[in-house]
Amino acid sequence: MNRQKYTVESLPLNQNGGTIEVNCADVTFINYGTGTLTVNGILIPPPTVAGQWNAFSIGGNLGEMDVTKYNYQFGAGTAVAVIVKRNYA
């Protein structure tokens, strides 16, 4: 069986909001904060239980690359979020 190798990268999002171009196969936005996170108009609510998180993911197929420029912003509350990217090696 031929297995495809990949790497995973985790990056914090700027608390002031902004734009990020992901250039990867799969991307997940994770909200750990107490406020909402909005990514390209999609609302990611804060977790309802302390220590947990809510997320929004987009997956691609082998050989695909997401080149979307994602705009994100935080609502009222503590802004704590990361983006996790999977890149094929």
PDB file of N, CA and C in Angstrom:
ATOM      1  N   MET A   1       0.840  -1.181   0.000  1.00  0.00           N
ATOM      2  CA  MET A   1       0.000   0.000   0.000  1.00  0.00           C
ATOM      3  C   MET A   1       0.887   1.246   0.000  1.00  0.00           C
ATOM      4  N   ASN A   2       0.637   2.156  -0.925  1.00  0.00           N
ATOM      5  CA  ASN A   2       1.378   3.408  -1.009  1.00  0.00           C
ATOM      6  C   ASN A   2       0.670   4.468  -0.164  1.00  0.00           C
ATOM      7  N   ARG A   3       1.329   4.965   0.859  1.00  0.00           N
ATOM      8  CA  ARG A   3       0.715   5.942   1.751  1.00  0.00           C
ATOM      9  C   ARG A   3       1.277   7.329   1.479  1.00  0.00           C
ATOM     10  N   GLN A   4       0.398   8.305   1.441  1.00  0.00           N
ATOM     11  CA  GLN A   4       0.799   9.690   1.208  1.00  0.00           C
ATOM     12  C   GLN A   4       1.166  10.342   2.535  1.00  0.00           C
ATOM     13  N   LYS A   5       2.308  10.997   2.599  1.00  0.00           N
ATOM     14  CA  LYS A   5       2.757  11.674   3.808  1.00  0.00           C
ATOM     15  C   LYS A   5       2.247  13.105   3.832  1.00  0.00           C
ATOM     16  N   TYR A   6       2.008  13.617   5.044  1.00  0.00           N
ATOM     17  CA  TYR A   6       1.587  14.999   5.193  1.00  0.00           C
ATOM     18  C   TYR A   6       2.107  15.572   6.504  1.00  0.00           C
ATOM     19  N   THR A   7       2.091  16.884   6.605  1.00  0.00           N
ATOM     20  CA  THR A   7       2.481  17.576   7.832  1.00  0.00           C
ATOM     21  C   THR A   7       1.284  18.366   8.344  1.00  0.00           C
ATOM     22  N   VAL A   8       1.281  18.644   9.650  1.00  0.00           N
ATOM     23  CA  VAL A   8       0.224  19.429  10.278  1.00  0.00           C
ATOM     24  C   VAL A   8       0.859  20.639  10.935  1.00  0.00           C
ATOM     25  N   GLU A   9       0.250  21.788  10.723  1.00  0.00           N
ATOM     26  CA  GLU A   9       0.765  23.043  11.257  1.00  0.00           C
ATOM     27  C   GLU A   9      -0.363  23.743  12.013  1.00  0.00           C
ATOM     28  N   SER A  10      -0.065  24.246  13.205  1.00  0.00           N
ATOM     29  CA  SER A  10      -1.042  24.967  14.018  1.00  0.00           C
ATOM     30  C   SER A  10      -0.541  26.388  14.248  1.00  0.00           C
ATOM     31  N   LEU A  11      -1.394  27.372  13.964  1.00  0.00           N
ATOM     32  CA  LEU A  11      -1.024  28.781  14.096  1.00  0.00           C
ATOM     33  C   LEU A  11      -2.096  29.543  14.867  1.00  0.00           C
ATOM     34  N   PRO A  12      -1.702  30.431  15.778  1.00  0.00           N
ATOM     35  CA  PRO A  12      -2.706  31.261  16.459  1.00  0.00           C
ATOM     36  C   PRO A  12      -3.235  32.329  15.502  1.00  0.00           C
ATOM     37  N   LEU A  13      -4.495  32.712  15.680  1.00  0.00           N
ATOM     38  CA  LEU A  13      -5.067  33.792  14.889  1.00  0.00           C
ATOM     39  C   LEU A  13      -4.898  35.112  15.637  1.00  0.00           C
ATOM     40  N   ASN A  14      -4.642  36.177  14.894  1.00  0.00           N
ATOM     41  CA  ASN A  14      -4.487  37.510  15.470  1.00  0.00           C
ATOM     42  C   ASN A  14      -5.783  37.937  16.156  1.00  0.00           C
ATOM     43  N   GLN A  15      -5.690  38.407  17.382  1.00  0.00           N
ATOM     44  CA  GLN A  15      -6.875  38.778  18.165  1.00  0.00           C
ATOM     45  C   GLN A  15      -7.638  39.957  17.573  1.00  0.00           C
ATOM     46  N   ASN A  16      -7.009  40.711  16.692  1.00  0.00           N
ATOM     47  CA  ASN A  16      -7.669  41.860  16.063  1.00  0.00           C
ATOM     48  C   ASN A  16      -8.405  41.485  14.788  1.00  0.00           C
ATOM     49  N   GLY A  17      -8.384  40.199  14.425  1.00  0.00           N
ATOM     50  CA  GLY A  17      -9.004  39.762  13.182  1.00  0.00           C
ATOM     51  C   GLY A  17      -8.057  39.992  12.023  1.00  0.00           C
ATOM     52  N   GLY A  18      -8.482  39.595  10.830  1.00  0.00           N
ATOM     53  CA  GLY A  18      -7.637  39.792   9.668  1.00  0.00           C
ATOM     54  C   GLY A  18      -7.982  38.844   8.547  1.00  0.00           C
ATOM     55  N   THR A  19      -6.998  38.637   7.678  1.00  0.00           N
ATOM     56  CA  THR A  19      -7.140  37.763   6.520  1.00  0.00           C
ATOM     57  C   THR A  19      -5.962  36.801   6.505  1.00  0.00           C
ATOM     58  N   ILE A  20      -6.242  35.540   6.162  1.00  0.00           N
ATOM     59  CA  ILE A  20      -5.177  34.551   6.059  1.00  0.00           C
ATOM     60  C   ILE A  20      -5.431  33.698   4.821  1.00  0.00           C
ATOM     61  N   GLU A  21      -4.385  33.496   4.018  1.00  0.00           N
ATOM     62  CA  GLU A  21      -4.443  32.598   2.868  1.00  0.00           C
ATOM     63  C   GLU A  21      -3.802  31.297   3.317  1.00  0.00           C
ATOM     64  N   VAL A  22      -4.537  30.189   3.262  1.00  0.00           N
ATOM     65  CA  VAL A  22      -4.086  28.970   3.925  1.00  0.00           C
ATOM     66  C   VAL A  22      -3.121  28.120   3.091  1.00  0.00           C
ATOM     67  N   ASN A  23      -3.315  28.013   1.784  1.00  0.00           N
ATOM     68  CA  ASN A  23      -2.433  27.231   0.911  1.00  0.00           C
ATOM     69  C   ASN A  23      -2.153  25.837   1.471  1.00  0.00           C
ATOM     70  N   CYS A  24      -3.204  25.056   1.681  1.00  0.00           N
ATOM     71  CA  CYS A  24      -3.060  23.711   2.244  1.00  0.00           C
ATOM     72  C   CYS A  24      -4.189  22.824   1.727  1.00  0.00           C
ATOM     73  N   ALA A  25      -4.139  21.543   2.076  1.00  0.00           N
ATOM     74  CA  ALA A  25      -5.164  20.600   1.644  1.00  0.00           C
ATOM     75  C   ALA A  25      -6.401  20.658   2.539  1.00  0.00           C
ATOM     76  N   ASP A  26      -6.214  20.699   3.843  1.00  0.00           N
ATOM     77  CA  ASP A  26      -7.303  20.735   4.818  1.00  0.00           C
ATOM     78  C   ASP A  26      -7.047  21.870   5.791  1.00  0.00           C
ATOM     79  N   VAL A  27      -8.123  22.515   6.234  1.00  0.00           N
ATOM     80  CA  VAL A  27      -7.978  23.612   7.187  1.00  0.00           C
ATOM     81  C   VAL A  27      -9.093  23.520   8.228  1.00  0.00           C
ATOM     82  N   THR A  28      -8.741  23.804   9.481  1.00  0.00           N
ATOM     83  CA  THR A  28      -9.701  23.826  10.580  1.00  0.00           C
ATOM     84  C   THR A  28      -9.476  25.088  11.394  1.00  0.00           C
ATOM     85  N   PHE A  29     -10.544  25.828  11.636  1.00  0.00           N
ATOM     86  CA  PHE A  29     -10.513  26.994  12.519  1.00  0.00           C
ATOM     87  C   PHE A  29     -11.115  26.564  13.846  1.00  0.00           C
ATOM     88  N   ILE A  30     -10.380  26.732  14.940  1.00  0.00           N
ATOM     89  CA  ILE A  30     -10.831  26.291  16.263  1.00  0.00           C
ATOM     90  C   ILE A  30     -10.990  27.499  17.166  1.00  0.00           C
ATOM     91  N   ASN A  31     -12.171  27.631  17.772  1.00  0.00           N
ATOM     92  CA  ASN A  31     -12.473  28.726  18.684  1.00  0.00           C
ATOM     93  C   ASN A  31     -12.437  28.205  20.122  1.00  0.00           C
ATOM     94  N   TYR A  32     -11.462  28.700  20.912  1.00  0.00           N
ATOM     95  CA  TYR A  32     -11.333  28.348  22.327  1.00  0.00           C
ATOM     96  C   TYR A  32     -11.859  29.467  23.220  1.00  0.00           C
ATOM     97  N   GLY A  33     -12.127  30.631  22.645  1.00  0.00           N
ATOM     98  CA  GLY A  33     -12.432  31.831  23.421  1.00  0.00           C
ATOM     99  C   GLY A  33     -13.849  31.872  23.967  1.00  0.00           C
ATOM    100  N   THR A  34     -14.165  33.008  24.585  1.00  0.00           N
ATOM    101  CA  THR A  34     -15.505  33.205  25.160  1.00  0.00           C
ATOM    102  C   THR A  34     -16.404  33.999  24.228  1.00  0.00           C
ATOM    103  N   GLY A  35     -15.863  34.473  23.113  1.00  0.00           N
ATOM    104  CA  GLY A  35     -16.643  35.214  22.117  1.00  0.00           C
ATOM    105  C   GLY A  35     -16.751  34.427  20.840  1.00  0.00           C
ATOM    106  N   THR A  36     -17.542  34.940  19.914  1.00  0.00           N
ATOM    107  CA  THR A  36     -17.718  34.268  18.636  1.00  0.00           C
ATOM    108  C   THR A  36     -16.530  34.531  17.708  1.00  0.00           C
ATOM    109  N   LEU A  37     -16.316  33.622  16.789  1.00  0.00           N
ATOM    110  CA  LEU A  37     -15.343  33.764  15.714  1.00  0.00           C
ATOM    111  C   LEU A  37     -16.123  33.615  14.417  1.00  0.00           C
ATOM    112  N   THR A  38     -15.967  34.579  13.520  1.00  0.00           N
ATOM    113  CA  THR A  38     -16.636  34.516  12.221  1.00  0.00           C
ATOM    114  C   THR A  38     -15.580  34.388  11.136  1.00  0.00           C
ATOM    115  N   VAL A  39     -15.734  33.365  10.294  1.00  0.00           N
ATOM    116  CA  VAL A  39     -14.775  33.088   9.213  1.00  0.00           C
ATOM    117  C   VAL A  39     -15.543  33.093   7.894  1.00  0.00           C
ATOM    118  N   ASN A  40     -15.245  34.070   7.046  1.00  0.00           N
ATOM    119  CA  ASN A  40     -15.942  34.229   5.755  1.00  0.00           C
ATOM    120  C   ASN A  40     -17.456  34.124   5.918  1.00  0.00           C
ATOM    121  N   GLY A  41     -17.975  34.768   6.948  1.00  0.00           N
ATOM    122  CA  GLY A  41     -19.413  34.804   7.181  1.00  0.00           C
ATOM    123  C   GLY A  41     -19.969  33.616   7.941  1.00  0.00           C
ATOM    124  N   ILE A  42     -19.142  32.641   8.273  1.00  0.00           N
ATOM    125  CA  ILE A  42     -19.600  31.464   9.017  1.00  0.00           C
ATOM    126  C   ILE A  42     -19.291  31.666  10.490  1.00  0.00           C
ATOM    127  N   LEU A  43     -20.316  31.620  11.316  1.00  0.00           N
ATOM    128  CA  LEU A  43     -20.190  31.865  12.755  1.00  0.00           C
ATOM    129  C   LEU A  43     -19.744  30.603  13.481  1.00  0.00           C
ATOM    130  N   ILE A  44     -18.657  30.720  14.239  1.00  0.00           N
ATOM    131  CA  ILE A  44     -18.190  29.628  15.097  1.00  0.00           C
ATOM    132  C   ILE A  44     -18.413  30.100  16.528  1.00  0.00           C
ATOM    133  N   PRO A  45     -19.419  29.568  17.208  1.00  0.00           N
ATOM    134  CA  PRO A  45     -19.737  30.052  18.548  1.00  0.00           C
ATOM    135  C   PRO A  45     -18.674  29.635  19.558  1.00  0.00           C
ATOM    136  N   PRO A  46     -18.653  30.325  20.698  1.00  0.00           N
ATOM    137  CA  PRO A  46     -17.731  29.910  21.747  1.00  0.00           C
ATOM    138  C   PRO A  46     -18.192  28.570  22.331  1.00  0.00           C
ATOM    139  N   PRO A  47     -17.286  27.837  22.956  1.00  0.00           N
ATOM    140  CA  PRO A  47     -17.685  26.571  23.574  1.00  0.00           C
ATOM    141  C   PRO A  47     -18.652  26.824  24.726  1.00  0.00           C
ATOM    142  N   THR A  48     -19.553  25.877  24.949  1.00  0.00           N
ATOM    143  CA  THR A  48     -20.514  26.016  26.047  1.00  0.00           C
ATOM    144  C   THR A  48     -19.971  25.450  27.357  1.00  0.00           C
ATOM    145  N   VAL A  49     -18.893  24.673  27.280  1.00  0.00           N
ATOM    146  CA  VAL A  49     -18.263  24.083  28.464  1.00  0.00           C
ATOM    147  C   VAL A  49     -16.804  24.517  28.486  1.00  0.00           C
ATOM    148  N   ALA A  50     -16.344  25.012  29.622  1.00  0.00           N
ATOM    149  CA  ALA A  50     -14.955  25.453  29.751  1.00  0.00           C
ATOM    150  C   ALA A  50     -14.003  24.308  29.411  1.00  0.00           C
ATOM    151  N   GLY A  51     -12.930  24.622  28.698  1.00  0.00           N
ATOM    152  CA  GLY A  51     -11.938  23.620  28.336  1.00  0.00           C
ATOM    153  C   GLY A  51     -12.242  22.892  27.041  1.00  0.00           C
ATOM    154  N   GLN A  52     -13.406  23.168  26.447  1.00  0.00           N
ATOM    155  CA  GLN A  52     -13.734  22.556  25.159  1.00  0.00           C
ATOM    156  C   GLN A  52     -13.619  23.609  24.065  1.00  0.00           C
ATOM    157  N   TRP A  53     -14.002  23.263  22.826  1.00  0.00           N
ATOM    158  CA  TRP A  53     -13.889  24.187  21.705  1.00  0.00           C
ATOM    159  C   TRP A  53     -14.910  23.850  20.640  1.00  0.00           C
ATOM    160  N   ASN A  54     -15.141  24.812  19.748  1.00  0.00           N
ATOM    161  CA  ASN A  54     -15.964  24.606  18.563  1.00  0.00           C
ATOM    162  C   ASN A  54     -15.094  24.874  17.353  1.00  0.00           C
ATOM    163  N   ALA A  55     -15.403  24.225  16.230  1.00  0.00           N
ATOM    164  CA  ALA A  55     -14.534  24.340  15.064  1.00  0.00           C
ATOM    165  C   ALA A  55     -15.327  24.325  13.766  1.00  0.00           C
ATOM    166  N   PHE A  56     -14.659  24.802  12.722  1.00  0.00           N
ATOM    167  CA  PHE A  56     -15.152  24.782  11.352  1.00  0.00           C
ATOM    168  C   PHE A  56     -14.028  24.212  10.496  1.00  0.00           C
ATOM    169  N   SER A  57     -14.308  23.149   9.737  1.00  0.00           N
ATOM    170  CA  SER A  57     -13.271  22.481   8.936  1.00  0.00           C
ATOM    171  C   SER A  57     -13.668  22.389   7.475  1.00  0.00           C
ATOM    172  N   ILE A  58     -12.656  22.449   6.622  1.00  0.00           N
ATOM    173  CA  ILE A  58     -12.833  22.204   5.193  1.00  0.00           C
ATOM    174  C   ILE A  58     -11.752  21.213   4.785  1.00  0.00           C
ATOM    175  N   GLY A  59     -12.167  20.110   4.209  1.00  0.00           N
ATOM    176  CA  GLY A  59     -11.224  19.080   3.797  1.00  0.00           C
ATOM    177  C   GLY A  59     -11.105  18.999   2.290  1.00  0.00           C
ATOM    178  N   GLY A  60      -9.917  18.678   1.835  1.00  0.00           N
ATOM    179  CA  GLY A  60      -9.666  18.521   0.408  1.00  0.00           C
ATOM    180  C   GLY A  60      -9.207  17.109   0.103  1.00  0.00           C
ATOM    181  N   ASN A  61      -9.073  16.817  -1.159  1.00  0.00           N
ATOM    182  CA  ASN A  61      -8.590  15.520  -1.616  1.00  0.00           C
ATOM    183  C   ASN A  61      -7.100  15.589  -1.901  1.00  0.00           C
ATOM    184  N   LEU A  62      -6.489  14.441  -1.989  1.00  0.00           N
ATOM    185  CA  LEU A  62      -5.073  14.349  -2.327  1.00  0.00           C
ATOM    186  C   LEU A  62      -4.816  15.111  -3.619  1.00  0.00           C
ATOM    187  N   GLY A  63      -3.824  15.977  -3.599  1.00  0.00           N
ATOM    188  CA  GLY A  63      -3.470  16.760  -4.768  1.00  0.00           C
ATOM    189  C   GLY A  63      -4.170  18.100  -4.855  1.00  0.00           C
ATOM    190  N   GLU A  64      -5.164  18.345  -4.003  1.00  0.00           N
ATOM    191  CA  GLU A  64      -5.857  19.623  -3.997  1.00  0.00           C
ATOM    192  C   GLU A  64      -5.199  20.589  -3.019  1.00  0.00           C
ATOM    193  N   MET A  65      -5.337  21.884  -3.285  1.00  0.00           N
ATOM    194  CA  MET A  65      -4.814  22.899  -2.377  1.00  0.00           C
ATOM    195  C   MET A  65      -5.834  24.022  -2.259  1.00  0.00           C
ATOM    196  N   ASP A  66      -6.204  24.354  -1.028  1.00  0.00           N
ATOM    197  CA  ASP A  66      -7.131  25.451  -0.747  1.00  0.00           C
ATOM    198  C   ASP A  66      -6.334  26.755  -0.759  1.00  0.00           C
ATOM    199  N   VAL A  67      -6.650  27.647  -1.685  1.00  0.00           N
ATOM    200  CA  VAL A  67      -5.958  28.936  -1.783  1.00  0.00           C
ATOM    201  C   VAL A  67      -6.885  30.092  -1.413  1.00  0.00           C
ATOM    202  N   THR A  68      -7.966  29.781  -0.716  1.00  0.00           N
ATOM    203  CA  THR A  68      -8.922  30.794  -0.295  1.00  0.00           C
ATOM    204  C   THR A  68      -8.273  31.797   0.645  1.00  0.00           C
ATOM    205  N   LYS A  69      -8.642  33.056   0.495  1.00  0.00           N
ATOM    206  CA  LYS A  69      -8.255  34.075   1.467  1.00  0.00           C
ATOM    207  C   LYS A  69      -9.410  34.176   2.460  1.00  0.00           C
ATOM    208  N   TYR A  70      -9.183  33.666   3.679  1.00  0.00           N
ATOM    209  CA  TYR A  70     -10.212  33.657   4.706  1.00  0.00           C
ATOM    210  C   TYR A  70     -10.144  34.944   5.523  1.00  0.00           C
ATOM    211  N   ASN A  71     -11.280  35.633   5.609  1.00  0.00           N
ATOM    212  CA  ASN A  71     -11.404  36.805   6.469  1.00  0.00           C
ATOM    213  C   ASN A  71     -12.014  36.343   7.782  1.00  0.00           C
ATOM    214  N   TYR A  72     -11.430  36.762   8.886  1.00  0.00           N
ATOM    215  CA  TYR A  72     -11.962  36.355  10.183  1.00  0.00           C
ATOM    216  C   TYR A  72     -12.028  37.551  11.128  1.00  0.00           C
ATOM    217  N   GLN A  73     -12.992  37.471  12.025  1.00  0.00           N
ATOM    218  CA  GLN A  73     -13.144  38.514  13.042  1.00  0.00           C
ATOM    219  C   GLN A  73     -13.747  37.900  14.297  1.00  0.00           C
ATOM    220  N   PHE A  74     -13.481  38.543  15.407  1.00  0.00           N
ATOM    221  CA  PHE A  74     -13.976  38.083  16.698  1.00  0.00           C
ATOM    222  C   PHE A  74     -15.085  38.994  17.180  1.00  0.00           C
ATOM    223  N   GLY A  75     -16.066  38.402  17.870  1.00  0.00           N
ATOM    224  CA  GLY A  75     -17.109  39.172  18.525  1.00  0.00           C
ATOM    225  C   GLY A  75     -16.662  39.530  19.931  1.00  0.00           C
ATOM    226  N   ALA A  76     -17.582  40.071  20.714  1.00  0.00           N
ATOM    227  CA  ALA A  76     -17.281  40.430  22.100  1.00  0.00           C
ATOM    228  C   ALA A  76     -16.863  39.195  22.881  1.00  0.00           C
ATOM    229  N   GLY A  77     -15.956  39.356  23.812  1.00  0.00           N
ATOM    230  CA  GLY A  77     -15.452  38.242  24.612  1.00  0.00           C
ATOM    231  C   GLY A  77     -13.969  38.058  24.377  1.00  0.00           C
ATOM    232  N   THR A  78     -13.417  37.036  24.987  1.00  0.00           N
ATOM    233  CA  THR A  78     -12.001  36.734  24.850  1.00  0.00           C
ATOM    234  C   THR A  78     -11.742  36.070  23.496  1.00  0.00           C
ATOM    235  N   ALA A  79     -10.792  36.622  22.739  1.00  0.00           N
ATOM    236  CA  ALA A  79     -10.469  36.120  21.401  1.00  0.00           C
ATOM    237  C   ALA A  79      -9.305  35.135  21.484  1.00  0.00           C
ATOM    238  N   VAL A  80      -9.629  33.839  21.452  1.00  0.00           N
ATOM    239  CA  VAL A  80      -8.596  32.802  21.467  1.00  0.00           C
ATOM    240  C   VAL A  80      -8.969  31.764  20.414  1.00  0.00           C
ATOM    241  N   ALA A  81      -8.174  31.701  19.348  1.00  0.00           N
ATOM    242  CA  ALA A  81      -8.469  30.758  18.271  1.00  0.00           C
ATOM    243  C   ALA A  81      -7.180  30.379  17.557  1.00  0.00           C
ATOM    244  N   VAL A  82      -7.199  29.205  16.939  1.00  0.00           N
ATOM    245  CA  VAL A  82      -6.065  28.744  16.144  1.00  0.00           C
ATOM    246  C   VAL A  82      -6.590  28.211  14.817  1.00  0.00           C
ATOM    247  N   ILE A  83      -5.671  28.121  13.865  1.00  0.00           N
ATOM    248  CA  ILE A  83      -5.960  27.489  12.591  1.00  0.00           C
ATOM    249  C   ILE A  83      -5.024  26.284  12.478  1.00  0.00           C
ATOM    250  N   VAL A  84      -5.563  25.158  12.060  1.00  0.00           N
ATOM    251  CA  VAL A  84      -4.768  23.944  11.866  1.00  0.00           C
ATOM    252  C   VAL A  84      -4.802  23.620  10.380  1.00  0.00           C
ATOM    253  N   LYS A  85      -3.618  23.492   9.777  1.00  0.00           N
ATOM    254  CA  LYS A  85      -3.498  23.232   8.353  1.00  0.00           C
ATOM    255  C   LYS A  85      -2.811  21.888   8.116  1.00  0.00           C
ATOM    256  N   ARG A  86      -3.329  21.122   7.161  1.00  0.00           N
ATOM    257  CA  ARG A  86      -2.669  19.872   6.770  1.00  0.00           C
ATOM    258  C   ARG A  86      -2.137  20.053   5.358  1.00  0.00           C
ATOM    259  N   ASN A  87      -0.838  19.793   5.211  1.00  0.00           N
ATOM    260  CA  ASN A  87      -0.149  19.915   3.922  1.00  0.00           C
ATOM    261  C   ASN A  87       0.419  18.559   3.524  1.00  0.00           C
ATOM    262  N   TYR A  88       0.177  18.148   2.289  1.00  0.00           N
ATOM    263  CA  TYR A  88       0.778  16.900   1.811  1.00  0.00           C
ATOM    264  C   TYR A  88       2.244  17.122   1.522  1.00  0.00           C
ATOM    265  N   ALA A  89       3.078  16.163   1.921  1.00  0.00           N
ATOM    266  CA  ALA A  89       4.527  16.279   1.735  1.00  0.00           C
ATOM    267  C   ALA A  89       4.925  15.954   0.321  1.00  0.00           C
TER     268      ALA A  89
END
